[in-house]
């Protein structure tokens, strides 16, 4: 498997994983999940926090999925993938921080999501990873 394909798949799967945040903010998540934010719920109210939560998770999902497709050159310009992935990682980290207790049963998933987000940020912004040679066809 090529690096391009592996990284593209990871980005797409990580994006799809943001559905868990949407589930947490809706009744589909059951009674154990919620859209309470340690910062937003008390300040702006539960309804606004829920809208912010759903919007942030959906946008994060879209950014990562489109970044993966762009890297794989499926329907989007390859030139977009790094910007979309970095934006998705920053939004994902912010949303995880704001809604940390929204789905406590999924603690290992949150740690994995943080790891992927940090890998994207460090790799793309600081380590020049993946290299152009790694992504060559």
Protein backbone atom coordinates (compact mmCIF):
# COMPACT_ATOMS: atom_id res chain seq x y z
CA UNK A 1 0.00 0.00 0.00
CA UNK A 2 1.36 3.43 -0.88
CA UNK A 3 1.77 6.23 1.66
CA UNK A 4 -0.66 8.34 -0.34
CA UNK A 5 -3.37 5.70 -0.10
CA UNK A 6 -2.70 4.95 3.58
CA UNK A 7 -2.77 8.59 4.65
CA UNK A 8 -5.82 9.31 2.49
CA UNK A 9 -7.71 6.43 4.10
CA UNK A 10 -6.70 7.54 7.61
CA UNK A 11 -7.92 11.08 6.91
CA UNK A 12 -11.25 9.82 5.55
CA UNK A 13 -11.79 7.39 8.45
CA UNK A 14 -10.84 10.03 11.01
CA UNK A 15 -13.35 12.36 9.40
CA UNK A 16 -16.09 9.73 9.53
CA UNK A 17 -15.26 9.24 13.22
CA UNK A 18 -16.57 12.75 13.86
CA UNK A 19 -20.05 11.26 13.48
CA UNK A 20 -19.65 10.18 17.12
CA UNK A 21 -19.69 13.85 18.11
CA UNK A 22 -22.88 14.39 16.13
CA UNK A 23 -24.42 11.37 17.84
CA UNK A 24 -23.39 12.77 21.22
CA UNK A 25 -25.20 16.01 20.49
CA UNK A 26 -28.43 14.37 19.34
CA UNK A 27 -30.89 11.95 20.83
CA UNK A 28 -29.34 9.26 18.64
CA UNK A 29 -26.53 9.06 21.17
CA UNK A 30 -28.84 7.94 23.96
CA UNK A 31 -28.94 9.21 27.54
CA UNK A 32 -25.22 8.74 28.26
CA UNK A 33 -24.10 11.26 25.62
CA UNK A 34 -24.85 14.96 25.44
CA UNK A 35 -23.77 18.26 23.92
CA UNK A 36 -22.79 19.99 27.15
CA UNK A 37 -19.74 22.20 26.96
CA UNK A 38 -17.80 23.25 30.04
CA UNK A 39 -17.51 26.72 28.46
CA UNK A 40 -20.53 27.24 26.19
CA UNK A 41 -23.46 25.59 27.97
CA UNK A 42 -23.42 27.81 31.07
CA UNK A 43 -22.61 30.94 29.10
CA UNK A 44 -24.79 30.63 26.00
CA UNK A 45 -27.27 27.95 27.00
CA UNK A 46 -27.77 24.31 26.10
CA UNK A 47 -29.48 24.97 22.78
CA UNK A 48 -26.68 27.12 21.42
CA UNK A 49 -24.05 24.68 22.71
CA UNK A 50 -25.85 21.86 20.90
CA UNK A 51 -25.93 23.80 17.60
CA UNK A 52 -22.24 24.70 17.94
CA UNK A 53 -21.39 21.09 18.74
CA UNK A 54 -23.25 19.63 15.78
CA UNK A 55 -21.90 22.27 13.37
CA UNK A 56 -18.31 21.80 14.54
CA UNK A 57 -18.43 18.00 14.30
CA UNK A 58 -20.02 18.11 10.84
CA UNK A 59 -17.52 20.66 9.52
CA UNK A 60 -14.64 18.63 11.00
CA UNK A 61 -16.00 15.51 9.33
CA UNK A 62 -16.24 17.29 5.98
CA UNK A 63 -12.76 18.81 6.21
CA UNK A 64 -11.08 15.48 6.88
CA UNK A 65 -13.08 13.53 4.31
CA UNK A 66 -12.43 16.11 1.60
CA UNK A 67 -8.74 16.27 2.61
CA UNK A 68 -8.50 12.50 2.16
CA UNK A 69 -10.24 12.61 -1.20
CA UNK A 70 -8.03 15.52 -2.30
CA UNK A 71 -4.88 13.60 -1.35
CA UNK A 72 -6.21 10.66 -3.36
CA UNK A 73 -7.14 13.06 -6.17
CA UNK A 74 -10.77 11.98 -6.14
CA UNK A 75 -12.96 14.94 -7.06
CA UNK A 76 -10.78 17.61 -5.45
CA UNK A 77 -7.45 19.25 -6.17
CA UNK A 78 -4.49 17.59 -4.46
CA UNK A 79 -3.24 21.08 -3.58
CA UNK A 80 -6.02 21.42 -1.00
CA UNK A 81 -5.32 18.39 1.17
CA UNK A 82 -2.83 19.91 3.61
CA UNK A 83 -4.86 23.05 4.27
CA UNK A 84 -8.05 21.04 4.76
CA UNK A 85 -6.34 18.50 7.03
CA UNK A 86 -4.73 21.20 9.19
CA UNK A 87 -8.02 23.09 9.45
CA UNK A 88 -9.83 19.88 10.34
CA UNK A 89 -7.26 18.98 12.99
CA UNK A 90 -7.43 22.41 14.60
CA UNK A 91 -11.24 22.39 14.61
CA UNK A 92 -11.33 18.82 15.90
CA UNK A 93 -8.99 19.61 18.81
CA UNK A 94 -10.96 22.72 19.70
CA UNK A 95 -14.26 20.83 19.57
CA UNK A 96 -12.89 17.95 21.65
CA UNK A 97 -11.71 20.48 24.21
CA UNK A 98 -15.00 22.34 24.35
CA UNK A 99 -17.14 19.18 24.52
CA UNK A 100 -14.74 16.88 26.40
CA UNK A 101 -17.46 15.34 28.60
CA UNK A 102 -20.00 14.91 25.80
CA UNK A 103 -19.30 11.19 25.40
CA UNK A 104 -17.31 9.92 28.39
CA UNK A 105 -17.69 6.25 27.46
CA UNK A 106 -15.56 6.86 24.38
CA UNK A 107 -12.43 8.07 26.20
CA UNK A 108 -10.07 5.81 24.18
CA UNK A 109 -11.59 7.15 20.96
CA UNK A 110 -10.94 10.72 22.10
CA UNK A 111 -7.28 9.90 22.84
CA UNK A 112 -6.95 8.31 19.39
CA UNK A 113 -8.57 11.36 17.78
CA UNK A 114 -6.17 13.68 19.58
CA UNK A 115 -3.23 11.55 18.40
CA UNK A 116 -4.36 11.74 14.75
CA UNK A 117 -5.01 15.49 15.01
CA UNK A 118 -1.57 16.12 16.54
CA UNK A 119 0.11 13.89 13.95
CA UNK A 120 -1.51 15.93 11.18
CA UNK A 121 -0.50 19.25 12.74
CA UNK A 122 3.07 18.28 13.61
CA UNK A 123 3.61 16.35 10.40
CA UNK A 124 2.26 18.95 8.00
CA UNK A 125 3.23 22.16 9.79
CA UNK A 126 6.58 21.31 11.37
CA UNK A 127 8.08 18.07 10.08
CA UNK A 128 7.38 18.39 6.36
CA UNK A 129 5.77 14.96 6.54
CA UNK A 130 4.72 13.27 4.40
CA UNK A 131 7.41 14.26 1.95
CA UNK A 132 6.72 14.74 -1.76
CA UNK A 133 8.81 11.63 -2.42
CA UNK A 134 6.57 9.57 -0.14
CA UNK A 135 3.50 10.76 -2.00
CA UNK A 136 4.95 10.32 -5.49
CA UNK A 137 2.99 8.07 -7.78
